[in-house]
Amino acid sequence: MVTFDKPGVYGIKCAPHYIMGMIGLVVVGDQTANLDAAKAVPHDIIATKRFEPLFAKVQ
């Protein structure tokens, strides 16, 4: 179990399935607290494409 105690946007990945693009985005409280930093995290091409529509929903 994971507890988020700071507001922001957190990317998560499924370790065994990350290469297939299995990712998620968790938004806690103030989503703008670290949005730019979260977007700047490098990912492989599939995960990057999967994160794009999720980040678009946050804005």
C-alpha atoms as a PDB file:
ATOM      1  CA  MET A   1       0.000   0.000   0.000  1.00  0.00           C
ATOM      2  CA  VAL A   2       1.162   3.523  -0.777  1.00  0.00           C
ATOM      3  CA  THR A   3       0.127   6.659   1.089  1.00  0.00           C
ATOM      4  CA  PHE A   4       0.433  10.041  -0.601  1.00  0.00           C
ATOM      5  CA  ASP A   5       0.861  12.815   1.950  1.00  0.00           C
ATOM      6  CA  LYS A   6       1.815  15.664  -0.365  1.00  0.00           C
ATOM      7  CA  PRO A   7      -0.432  17.232  -3.010  1.00  0.00           C
ATOM      8  CA  GLY A   8       0.533  16.715  -6.607  1.00  0.00           C
ATOM      9  CA  VAL A   9       0.543  14.385  -9.578  1.00  0.00           C
ATOM     10  CA  TYR A  10       2.257  11.018  -9.345  1.00  0.00           C
ATOM     11  CA  GLY A  11       2.998   8.643 -12.185  1.00  0.00           C
ATOM     12  CA  ILE A  12       2.935   4.956 -11.397  1.00  0.00           C
ATOM     13  CA  LYS A  13       4.088   2.000 -13.431  1.00  0.00           C
ATOM     14  CA  CYS A  14       3.521  -1.714 -13.356  1.00  0.00           C
ATOM     15  CA  ALA A  15       7.036  -3.120 -13.078  1.00  0.00           C
ATOM     16  CA  PRO A  16       6.510  -6.296 -15.144  1.00  0.00           C
ATOM     17  CA  HIS A  17       4.288  -4.621 -17.762  1.00  0.00           C
ATOM     18  CA  TYR A  18       5.841  -1.162 -18.070  1.00  0.00           C
ATOM     19  CA  ILE A  19       7.410  -1.993 -21.435  1.00  0.00           C
ATOM     20  CA  MET A  20       3.876  -2.573 -22.732  1.00  0.00           C
ATOM     21  CA  GLY A  21       2.799   0.834 -21.469  1.00  0.00           C
ATOM     22  CA  MET A  22       0.942  -0.164 -18.305  1.00  0.00           C
ATOM     23  CA  ILE A  23       1.053   3.054 -16.323  1.00  0.00           C
ATOM     24  CA  GLY A  24      -1.272   5.212 -14.256  1.00  0.00           C
ATOM     25  CA  LEU A  25      -1.558   8.698 -12.868  1.00  0.00           C
ATOM     26  CA  VAL A  26      -2.582   9.547  -9.307  1.00  0.00           C
ATOM     27  CA  VAL A  27      -3.753  13.080  -8.508  1.00  0.00           C
ATOM     28  CA  VAL A  28      -3.660  14.155  -4.864  1.00  0.00           C
ATOM     29  CA  GLY A  29      -5.219  17.459  -3.829  1.00  0.00           C
ATOM     30  CA  ASP A  30      -3.660  20.411  -5.667  1.00  0.00           C
ATOM     31  CA  GLN A  31      -2.753  18.901  -9.013  1.00  0.00           C
ATOM     32  CA  THR A  32      -0.614  21.879 -10.010  1.00  0.00           C
ATOM     33  CA  ALA A  33       1.810  21.432  -7.101  1.00  0.00           C
ATOM     34  CA  ASN A  34       4.302  19.394  -9.153  1.00  0.00           C
ATOM     35  CA  LEU A  35       2.675  19.021 -12.563  1.00  0.00           C
ATOM     36  CA  ASP A  36       5.642  20.354 -14.541  1.00  0.00           C
ATOM     37  CA  ALA A  37       8.075  18.099 -12.672  1.00  0.00           C
ATOM     38  CA  ALA A  38       5.841  15.072 -13.238  1.00  0.00           C
ATOM     39  CA  LYS A  39       5.656  15.798 -16.975  1.00  0.00           C
ATOM     40  CA  ALA A  40       9.443  16.133 -17.153  1.00  0.00           C
ATOM     41  CA  VAL A  41      10.139  12.577 -15.948  1.00  0.00           C
ATOM     42  CA  PRO A  42      11.559  10.618 -18.895  1.00  0.00           C
ATOM     43  CA  HIS A  43       9.810   7.433 -20.027  1.00  0.00           C
ATOM     44  CA  ASP A  44      10.093   5.085 -22.948  1.00  0.00           C
ATOM     45  CA  ILE A  45       8.067   5.903 -26.053  1.00  0.00           C
ATOM     46  CA  ILE A  46       5.057   3.725 -25.235  1.00  0.00           C
ATOM     47  CA  ALA A  47       4.684   5.004 -21.675  1.00  0.00           C
ATOM     48  CA  THR A  48       5.144   8.585 -22.884  1.00  0.00           C
ATOM     49  CA  LYS A  49       2.269   8.155 -25.341  1.00  0.00           C
ATOM     50  CA  ARG A  50       0.084   6.673 -22.601  1.00  0.00           C
ATOM     51  CA  PHE A  51       0.874   9.493 -20.154  1.00  0.00           C
ATOM     52  CA  GLU A  52       0.014  12.277 -22.645  1.00  0.00           C
ATOM     53  CA  PRO A  53      -3.796  11.860 -22.522  1.00  0.00           C
ATOM     54  CA  LEU A  54      -3.710  11.411 -18.751  1.00  0.00           C
ATOM     55  CA  PHE A  55      -1.789  14.658 -18.274  1.00  0.00           C
ATOM     56  CA  ALA A  56      -4.251  16.364 -20.657  1.00  0.00           C
ATOM     57  CA  LYS A  57      -7.109  15.428 -18.329  1.00  0.00           C
ATOM     58  CA  VAL A  58      -5.318  16.976 -15.360  1.00  0.00           C
ATOM     59  CA  GLN A  59      -4.917  20.423 -16.920  1.00  0.00           C
END
